[in-house]
Amino acid sequence: MDLLVLLFIGVCFTTIVFFIGRFACPRHDRVPLMEVDHVLLWTTLRRGWHALGSLGPLTPMTVDPPKGHA
């Protein structure tokens, strides 16, 4: 049962990443869903993963001001 739940969560997450990657692509470059093969599936998943990664912070936040400044 636990494996089934993990499989379901993995499929849901992969579907979300796929659609993020699909909509991150410009409209004129999108392939219809019926024409997606394994290569386009993989590149769309990679594009979605990179789009999710770009939403994170670029630099860590520092609480202390730099030394020498008031």
PDB file of N, CA and C in Angstrom:
ATOM      1  N   MET A   1       0.825  -1.194   0.000  1.00  0.00           N
ATOM      2  CA  MET A   1       0.000   0.000   0.000  1.00  0.00           C
ATOM      3  C   MET A   1       0.869   1.259   0.000  1.00  0.00           C
ATOM      4  N   ASP A   2       1.955   1.208   0.799  1.00  0.00           N
ATOM      5  CA  ASP A   2       2.837   2.374   0.848  1.00  0.00           C
ATOM      6  C   ASP A   2       3.501   2.618  -0.499  1.00  0.00           C
ATOM      7  N   LEU A   3       3.867   1.548  -1.177  1.00  0.00           N
ATOM      8  CA  LEU A   3       4.499   1.693  -2.486  1.00  0.00           C
ATOM      9  C   LEU A   3       3.529   2.296  -3.495  1.00  0.00           C
ATOM     10  N   LEU A   4       2.279   1.929  -3.395  1.00  0.00           N
ATOM     11  CA  LEU A   4       1.257   2.478  -4.284  1.00  0.00           C
ATOM     12  C   LEU A   4       1.072   3.977  -4.044  1.00  0.00           C
ATOM     13  N   VAL A   5       1.098   4.387  -2.789  1.00  0.00           N
ATOM     14  CA  VAL A   5       0.970   5.810  -2.460  1.00  0.00           C
ATOM     15  C   VAL A   5       2.180   6.576  -2.983  1.00  0.00           C
ATOM     16  N   LEU A   6       3.384   6.021  -2.806  1.00  0.00           N
ATOM     17  CA  LEU A   6       4.589   6.674  -3.320  1.00  0.00           C
ATOM     18  C   LEU A   6       4.561   6.769  -4.848  1.00  0.00           C
ATOM     19  N   LEU A   7       4.085   5.723  -5.504  1.00  0.00           N
ATOM     20  CA  LEU A   7       3.956   5.745  -6.957  1.00  0.00           C
ATOM     21  C   LEU A   7       2.975   6.826  -7.395  1.00  0.00           C
ATOM     22  N   PHE A   8       1.858   6.934  -6.703  1.00  0.00           N
ATOM     23  CA  PHE A   8       0.859   7.950  -7.028  1.00  0.00           C
ATOM     24  C   PHE A   8       1.426   9.363  -6.840  1.00  0.00           C
ATOM     25  N   ILE A   9       2.155   9.582  -5.752  1.00  0.00           N
ATOM     26  CA  ILE A   9       2.776  10.897  -5.511  1.00  0.00           C
ATOM     27  C   ILE A   9       3.806  11.193  -6.589  1.00  0.00           C
ATOM     28  N   GLY A  10       4.604  10.196  -6.967  1.00  0.00           N
ATOM     29  CA  GLY A  10       5.602  10.394  -8.019  1.00  0.00           C
ATOM     30  C   GLY A  10       4.977  10.728  -9.362  1.00  0.00           C
ATOM     31  N   VAL A  11       3.893  10.046  -9.700  1.00  0.00           N
ATOM     32  CA  VAL A  11       3.203  10.324 -10.968  1.00  0.00           C
ATOM     33  C   VAL A  11       2.599  11.728 -10.955  1.00  0.00           C
ATOM     34  N   CYS A  12       2.013  12.122  -9.833  1.00  0.00           N
ATOM     35  CA  CYS A  12       1.428  13.466  -9.732  1.00  0.00           C
ATOM     36  C   CYS A  12       2.513  14.541  -9.852  1.00  0.00           C
ATOM     37  N   PHE A  13       3.641  14.340  -9.163  1.00  0.00           N
ATOM     38  CA  PHE A  13       4.721  15.316  -9.235  1.00  0.00           C
ATOM     39  C   PHE A  13       5.294  15.397 -10.644  1.00  0.00           C
ATOM     40  N   THR A  14       5.480  14.252 -11.293  1.00  0.00           N
ATOM     41  CA  THR A  14       6.006  14.234 -12.655  1.00  0.00           C
ATOM     42  C   THR A  14       5.042  14.930 -13.615  1.00  0.00           C
ATOM     43  N   THR A  15       3.753  14.746 -13.422  1.00  0.00           N
ATOM     44  CA  THR A  15       2.761  15.405 -14.271  1.00  0.00           C
ATOM     45  C   THR A  15       2.813  16.917 -14.092  1.00  0.00           C
ATOM     46  N   ILE A  16       2.940  17.370 -12.867  1.00  0.00           N
ATOM     47  CA  ILE A  16       3.029  18.811 -12.607  1.00  0.00           C
ATOM     48  C   ILE A  16       4.282  19.396 -13.240  1.00  0.00           C
ATOM     49  N   VAL A  17       5.414  18.716 -13.079  1.00  0.00           N
ATOM     50  CA  VAL A  17       6.669  19.191 -13.673  1.00  0.00           C
ATOM     51  C   VAL A  17       6.564  19.201 -15.201  1.00  0.00           C
ATOM     52  N   PHE A  18       5.908  18.190 -15.771  1.00  0.00           N
ATOM     53  CA  PHE A  18       5.726  18.144 -17.225  1.00  0.00           C
ATOM     54  C   PHE A  18       4.936  19.345 -17.723  1.00  0.00           C
ATOM     55  N   PHE A  19       3.832  19.666 -17.057  1.00  0.00           N
ATOM     56  CA  PHE A  19       3.016  20.782 -17.530  1.00  0.00           C
ATOM     57  C   PHE A  19       3.690  22.129 -17.272  1.00  0.00           C
ATOM     58  N   ILE A  20       4.484  22.240 -16.220  1.00  0.00           N
ATOM     59  CA  ILE A  20       5.268  23.469 -16.032  1.00  0.00           C
ATOM     60  C   ILE A  20       6.272  23.613 -17.159  1.00  0.00           C
ATOM     61  N   GLY A  21       6.922  22.524 -17.514  1.00  0.00           N
ATOM     62  CA  GLY A  21       7.870  22.554 -18.630  1.00  0.00           C
ATOM     63  C   GLY A  21       7.199  22.819 -19.957  1.00  0.00           C
ATOM     64  N   ARG A  22       5.996  22.312 -20.112  1.00  0.00           N
ATOM     65  CA  ARG A  22       5.270  22.539 -21.362  1.00  0.00           C
ATOM     66  C   ARG A  22       4.897  24.006 -21.521  1.00  0.00           C
ATOM     67  N   PHE A  23       4.444  24.628 -20.437  1.00  0.00           N
ATOM     68  CA  PHE A  23       4.041  26.022 -20.540  1.00  0.00           C
ATOM     69  C   PHE A  23       5.218  26.982 -20.427  1.00  0.00           C
ATOM     70  N   ALA A  24       6.389  26.486 -20.050  1.00  0.00           N
ATOM     71  CA  ALA A  24       7.593  27.315 -20.071  1.00  0.00           C
ATOM     72  C   ALA A  24       8.130  27.456 -21.491  1.00  0.00           C
ATOM     73  N   CYS A  25       7.700  26.566 -22.357  1.00  0.00           N
ATOM     74  CA  CYS A  25       8.113  26.602 -23.760  1.00  0.00           C
ATOM     75  C   CYS A  25       7.251  27.626 -24.508  1.00  0.00           C
ATOM     76  N   PRO A  26       7.846  28.381 -25.444  1.00  0.00           N
ATOM     77  CA  PRO A  26       7.032  29.323 -26.228  1.00  0.00           C
ATOM     78  C   PRO A  26       5.938  28.585 -27.010  1.00  0.00           C
ATOM     79  N   ARG A  27       4.821  29.247 -27.187  1.00  0.00           N
ATOM     80  CA  ARG A  27       3.660  28.629 -27.827  1.00  0.00           C
ATOM     81  C   ARG A  27       3.974  28.123 -29.235  1.00  0.00           C
ATOM     82  N   HIS A  28       4.788  28.831 -29.984  1.00  0.00           N
ATOM     83  CA  HIS A  28       5.060  28.418 -31.364  1.00  0.00           C
ATOM     84  C   HIS A  28       5.995  27.208 -31.433  1.00  0.00           C
ATOM     85  N   ASP A  29       6.655  26.846 -30.334  1.00  0.00           N
ATOM     86  CA  ASP A  29       7.538  25.677 -30.310  1.00  0.00           C
ATOM     87  C   ASP A  29       6.886  24.441 -29.704  1.00  0.00           C
ATOM     88  N   ARG A  30       5.692  24.565 -29.149  1.00  0.00           N
ATOM     89  CA  ARG A  30       5.033  23.432 -28.498  1.00  0.00           C
ATOM     90  C   ARG A  30       4.547  22.419 -29.520  1.00  0.00           C
ATOM     91  N   VAL A  31       4.754  21.159 -29.191  1.00  0.00           N
ATOM     92  CA  VAL A  31       4.291  20.056 -30.020  1.00  0.00           C
ATOM     93  C   VAL A  31       2.958  19.576 -29.439  1.00  0.00           C
ATOM     94  N   PRO A  32       1.993  19.213 -30.268  1.00  0.00           N
ATOM     95  CA  PRO A  32       0.739  18.673 -29.727  1.00  0.00           C
ATOM     96  C   PRO A  32       1.008  17.437 -28.857  1.00  0.00           C
ATOM     97  N   LEU A  33       0.179  17.245 -27.837  1.00  0.00           N
ATOM     98  CA  LEU A  33       0.403  16.153 -26.883  1.00  0.00           C
ATOM     99  C   LEU A  33       0.411  14.778 -27.548  1.00  0.00           C
ATOM    100  N   MET A  34      -0.335  14.601 -28.604  1.00  0.00           N
ATOM    101  CA  MET A  34      -0.380  13.298 -29.277  1.00  0.00           C
ATOM    102  C   MET A  34       0.917  12.988 -30.027  1.00  0.00           C
ATOM    103  N   GLU A  35       1.747  14.003 -30.289  1.00  0.00           N
ATOM    104  CA  GLU A  35       2.989  13.802 -31.032  1.00  0.00           C
ATOM    105  C   GLU A  35       4.220  13.765 -30.132  1.00  0.00           C
ATOM    106  N   VAL A  36       4.042  13.767 -28.810  1.00  0.00           N
ATOM    107  CA  VAL A  36       5.173  13.760 -27.885  1.00  0.00           C
ATOM    108  C   VAL A  36       5.760  12.357 -27.835  1.00  0.00           C
ATOM    109  N   ASP A  37       7.056  12.234 -28.143  1.00  0.00           N
ATOM    110  CA  ASP A  37       7.736  10.956 -28.016  1.00  0.00           C
ATOM    111  C   ASP A  37       8.614  10.979 -26.769  1.00  0.00           C
ATOM    112  N   HIS A  38       9.427   9.953 -26.570  1.00  0.00           N
ATOM    113  CA  HIS A  38      10.206   9.862 -25.334  1.00  0.00           C
ATOM    114  C   HIS A  38      11.262  10.954 -25.226  1.00  0.00           C
ATOM    115  N   VAL A  39      11.781  11.423 -26.342  1.00  0.00           N
ATOM    116  CA  VAL A  39      12.787  12.490 -26.308  1.00  0.00           C
ATOM    117  C   VAL A  39      12.139  13.810 -25.904  1.00  0.00           C
ATOM    118  N   LEU A  40      11.006  14.133 -26.499  1.00  0.00           N
ATOM    119  CA  LEU A  40      10.298  15.363 -26.144  1.00  0.00           C
ATOM    120  C   LEU A  40       9.769  15.310 -24.718  1.00  0.00           C
ATOM    121  N   LEU A  41       9.366  14.124 -24.270  1.00  0.00           N
ATOM    122  CA  LEU A  41       8.923  13.975 -22.889  1.00  0.00           C
ATOM    123  C   LEU A  41      10.064  14.289 -21.926  1.00  0.00           C
ATOM    124  N   TRP A  42      11.235  13.737 -22.198  1.00  0.00           N
ATOM    125  CA  TRP A  42      12.390  13.959 -21.333  1.00  0.00           C
ATOM    126  C   TRP A  42      12.813  15.429 -21.335  1.00  0.00           C
ATOM    127  N   THR A  43      12.876  16.064 -22.507  1.00  0.00           N
ATOM    128  CA  THR A  43      13.290  17.463 -22.555  1.00  0.00           C
ATOM    129  C   THR A  43      12.259  18.381 -21.906  1.00  0.00           C
ATOM    130  N   THR A  44      10.979  18.037 -22.002  1.00  0.00           N
ATOM    131  CA  THR A  44       9.945  18.834 -21.348  1.00  0.00           C
ATOM    132  C   THR A  44      10.046  18.701 -19.830  1.00  0.00           C
ATOM    133  N   LEU A  45      10.325  17.486 -19.352  1.00  0.00           N
ATOM    134  CA  LEU A  45      10.521  17.300 -17.915  1.00  0.00           C
ATOM    135  C   LEU A  45      11.747  18.075 -17.427  1.00  0.00           C
ATOM    136  N   ARG A  46      12.820  18.067 -18.206  1.00  0.00           N
ATOM    137  CA  ARG A  46      14.015  18.831 -17.832  1.00  0.00           C
ATOM    138  C   ARG A  46      13.732  20.326 -17.815  1.00  0.00           C
ATOM    139  N   ARG A  47      12.985  20.810 -18.800  1.00  0.00           N
ATOM    140  CA  ARG A  47      12.642  22.225 -18.852  1.00  0.00           C
ATOM    141  C   ARG A  47      11.791  22.622 -17.648  1.00  0.00           C
ATOM    142  N   GLY A  48      10.851  21.762 -17.261  1.00  0.00           N
ATOM    143  CA  GLY A  48      10.025  22.030 -16.088  1.00  0.00           C
ATOM    144  C   GLY A  48      10.829  22.012 -14.811  1.00  0.00           C
ATOM    145  N   TRP A  49      11.774  21.068 -14.695  1.00  0.00           N
ATOM    146  CA  TRP A  49      12.620  20.989 -13.509  1.00  0.00           C
ATOM    147  C   TRP A  49      13.493  22.234 -13.387  1.00  0.00           C
ATOM    148  N   HIS A  50      14.041  22.693 -14.519  1.00  0.00           N
ATOM    149  CA  HIS A  50      14.864  23.900 -14.494  1.00  0.00           C
ATOM    150  C   HIS A  50      14.020  25.146 -14.233  1.00  0.00           C
ATOM    151  N   ALA A  51      12.787  25.167 -14.702  1.00  0.00           N
ATOM    152  CA  ALA A  51      11.907  26.299 -14.412  1.00  0.00           C
ATOM    153  C   ALA A  51      11.569  26.346 -12.922  1.00  0.00           C
ATOM    154  N   LEU A  52      11.365  25.191 -12.311  1.00  0.00           N
ATOM    155  CA  LEU A  52      11.122  25.159 -10.868  1.00  0.00           C
ATOM    156  C   LEU A  52      12.364  25.586 -10.101  1.00  0.00           C
ATOM    157  N   GLY A  53      13.524  25.187 -10.578  1.00  0.00           N
ATOM    158  CA  GLY A  53      14.769  25.555  -9.909  1.00  0.00           C
ATOM    159  C   GLY A  53      15.082  27.028 -10.000  1.00  0.00           C
ATOM    160  N   SER A  54      14.623  27.673 -11.045  1.00  0.00           N
ATOM    161  CA  SER A  54      14.915  29.092 -11.207  1.00  0.00           C
ATOM    162  C   SER A  54      14.032  29.960 -10.306  1.00  0.00           C
ATOM    163  N   LEU A  55      13.036  29.377  -9.664  1.00  0.00           N
ATOM    164  CA  LEU A  55      12.170  30.148  -8.777  1.00  0.00           C
ATOM    165  C   LEU A  55      12.760  30.312  -7.384  1.00  0.00           C
ATOM    166  N   GLY A  56      13.824  29.583  -7.084  1.00  0.00           N
ATOM    167  CA  GLY A  56      14.434  29.634  -5.764  1.00  0.00           C
ATOM    168  C   GLY A  56      15.289  30.874  -5.581  1.00  0.00           C
ATOM    169  N   PRO A  57      15.782  31.074  -4.368  1.00  0.00           N
ATOM    170  CA  PRO A  57      16.640  32.236  -4.111  1.00  0.00           C
ATOM    171  C   PRO A  57      17.986  32.088  -4.822  1.00  0.00           C
ATOM    172  N   LEU A  58      18.485  33.185  -5.352  1.00  0.00           N
ATOM    173  CA  LEU A  58      19.757  33.145  -6.067  1.00  0.00           C
ATOM    174  C   LEU A  58      20.943  33.289  -5.123  1.00  0.00           C
ATOM    175  N   THR A  59      20.772  34.036  -4.049  1.00  0.00           N
ATOM    176  CA  THR A  59      21.837  34.205  -3.069  1.00  0.00           C
ATOM    177  C   THR A  59      21.258  33.982  -1.683  1.00  0.00           C
ATOM    178  N   PRO A  60      22.069  33.481  -0.763  1.00  0.00           N
ATOM    179  CA  PRO A  60      21.552  33.310   0.594  1.00  0.00           C
ATOM    180  C   PRO A  60      21.358  34.669   1.261  1.00  0.00           C
ATOM    181  N   MET A  61      20.359  34.760   2.097  1.00  0.00           N
ATOM    182  CA  MET A  61      20.088  36.009   2.799  1.00  0.00           C
ATOM    183  C   MET A  61      21.019  36.105   3.997  1.00  0.00           C
ATOM    184  N   THR A  62      21.590  37.268   4.202  1.00  0.00           N
ATOM    185  CA  THR A  62      22.439  37.471   5.370  1.00  0.00           C
ATOM    186  C   THR A  62      21.718  38.412   6.341  1.00  0.00           C
ATOM    187  N   VAL A  63      21.819  38.107   7.605  1.00  0.00           N
ATOM    188  CA  VAL A  63      21.159  38.902   8.626  1.00  0.00           C
ATOM    189  C   VAL A  63      22.090  40.012   9.099  1.00  0.00           C
ATOM    190  N   ASP A  64      23.376  39.703   9.244  1.00  0.00           N
ATOM    191  CA  ASP A  64      24.333  40.671   9.725  1.00  0.00           C
ATOM    192  C   ASP A  64      24.810  41.578   8.600  1.00  0.00           C
ATOM    193  N   PRO A  65      24.912  42.896   8.854  1.00  0.00           N
ATOM    194  CA  PRO A  65      25.455  43.784   7.826  1.00  0.00           C
ATOM    195  C   PRO A  65      26.952  43.542   7.676  1.00  0.00           C
ATOM    196  N   PRO A  66      27.524  43.905   6.536  1.00  0.00           N
ATOM    197  CA  PRO A  66      28.966  43.719   6.337  1.00  0.00           C
ATOM    198  C   PRO A  66      29.754  44.573   7.354  1.00  0.00           C
ATOM    199  N   LYS A  67      30.921  44.100   7.734  1.00  0.00           N
ATOM    200  CA  LYS A  67      31.745  44.814   8.702  1.00  0.00           C
ATOM    201  C   LYS A  67      32.287  46.097   8.088  1.00  0.00           C
ATOM    202  N   GLY A  68      32.361  47.131   8.908  1.00  0.00           N
ATOM    203  CA  GLY A  68      32.869  48.411   8.436  1.00  0.00           C
ATOM    204  C   GLY A  68      31.777  49.377   8.027  1.00  0.00           C
ATOM    205  N   HIS A  69      30.545  48.920   7.984  1.00  0.00           N
ATOM    206  CA  HIS A  69      29.420  49.789   7.623  1.00  0.00           C
ATOM    207  C   HIS A  69      28.610  50.092   8.880  1.00  0.00           C
ATOM    208  N   ALA A  70      27.963  51.234   8.892  1.00  0.00           N
ATOM    209  CA  ALA A  70      27.207  51.648  10.074  1.00  0.00           C
ATOM    210  C   ALA A  70      25.916  50.968  10.180  1.00  0.00           C
TER     211      ALA A  70
END
